[in-house]
């Protein structure tokens, strides 16, 4: 099992705590800050998914004109764990 606290860039959330099991499936995601309902929803939806599938689905999602988003930052956090 791997755990990471990823410092985000360009989002309302300041960090993301991610736990991935030995089969490279998302065990838990916790956003520190951000839009509570949205970040809890994203965390619930990706639980149990393979890391590669989460990255493929969330990478490149933008929030307004920020050039990134909380889901995009989660994809970057997971990519850094591979």
Protein backbone atom coordinates (compact mmCIF):
# COMPACT_ATOMS: atom_id res chain seq x y z
CA UNK A 1 0.00 0.00 0.00
CA UNK A 2 1.25 3.50 -0.87
CA UNK A 3 0.16 6.81 0.59
CA UNK A 4 0.87 10.29 -0.72
CA UNK A 5 -0.06 13.81 0.32
CA UNK A 6 0.16 15.80 -2.91
CA UNK A 7 0.42 19.60 -2.78
CA UNK A 8 -1.89 20.93 -5.48
CA UNK A 9 -1.22 23.85 -7.83
CA UNK A 10 -3.82 26.24 -9.27
CA UNK A 11 -6.87 24.90 -7.40
CA UNK A 12 -8.94 25.80 -4.35
CA UNK A 13 -7.90 22.54 -2.68
CA UNK A 14 -4.47 22.90 -1.07
CA UNK A 15 -3.56 19.19 -1.04
CA UNK A 16 -4.84 15.71 -1.82
CA UNK A 17 -4.22 12.63 0.34
CA UNK A 18 -4.25 9.44 -1.75
CA UNK A 19 -3.95 5.82 -0.68
CA UNK A 20 -3.38 3.16 -3.36
CA UNK A 21 -3.36 -0.58 -2.64
CA UNK A 22 -0.81 -3.12 -3.87
CA UNK A 23 -2.97 -3.89 -6.95
CA UNK A 24 -2.75 -0.20 -7.96
CA UNK A 25 -6.38 0.47 -7.08
CA UNK A 26 -7.49 3.67 -5.36
CA UNK A 27 -8.26 2.87 -1.73
CA UNK A 28 -9.00 6.41 -0.50
CA UNK A 29 -8.88 10.02 -1.69
CA UNK A 30 -9.23 13.03 0.58
CA UNK A 31 -9.08 16.62 -0.67
CA UNK A 32 -7.95 19.32 1.75
CA UNK A 33 -10.07 22.31 0.78
CA UNK A 34 -11.90 22.84 -2.48
CA UNK A 35 -15.62 22.50 -3.20
CA UNK A 36 -16.76 19.96 -0.60
CA UNK A 37 -19.53 18.29 -2.56
CA UNK A 38 -17.54 18.05 -5.77
CA UNK A 39 -14.36 16.74 -4.17
CA UNK A 40 -16.27 14.20 -2.05
CA UNK A 41 -18.08 13.06 -5.18
CA UNK A 42 -14.87 12.62 -7.15
CA UNK A 43 -13.31 10.73 -4.23
CA UNK A 44 -16.29 8.36 -4.01
CA UNK A 45 -16.40 7.75 -7.76
CA UNK A 46 -12.72 6.79 -8.10
CA UNK A 47 -12.62 4.48 -5.06
CA UNK A 48 -11.74 0.97 -6.22
CA UNK A 49 -10.70 2.08 -9.71
CA UNK A 50 -7.31 1.23 -11.21
CA UNK A 51 -4.90 4.16 -11.02
CA UNK A 52 -4.35 4.18 -14.79
CA UNK A 53 -8.11 4.38 -15.45
CA UNK A 54 -8.52 7.32 -13.06
CA UNK A 55 -5.66 9.18 -14.73
CA UNK A 56 -7.13 8.56 -18.20
CA UNK A 57 -10.55 9.88 -17.16
CA UNK A 58 -9.52 12.92 -15.12
CA UNK A 59 -6.36 14.20 -16.81
CA UNK A 60 -6.83 17.54 -18.53
CA UNK A 61 -10.14 18.57 -16.91
CA UNK A 62 -10.19 22.34 -16.39
CA UNK A 63 -12.01 24.51 -13.86
CA UNK A 64 -12.82 27.81 -15.52
CA UNK A 65 -9.69 29.43 -16.91
CA UNK A 66 -7.29 27.92 -14.35
CA UNK A 67 -5.77 25.39 -16.76
CA UNK A 68 -6.31 22.66 -14.16
CA UNK A 69 -8.91 21.42 -11.66
CA UNK A 70 -9.15 19.28 -8.55
CA UNK A 71 -9.78 16.14 -10.69
CA UNK A 72 -6.82 17.05 -12.93
CA UNK A 73 -4.62 17.52 -9.86
CA UNK A 74 -5.74 14.10 -8.60
CA UNK A 75 -4.60 12.59 -11.91
CA UNK A 76 -1.20 14.28 -11.44
CA UNK A 77 -0.96 12.96 -7.86
CA UNK A 78 -1.72 9.43 -9.02
CA UNK A 79 0.73 9.67 -11.93
CA UNK A 80 3.47 10.67 -9.50
CA UNK A 81 2.80 7.45 -7.56
CA UNK A 82 3.39 5.16 -10.56
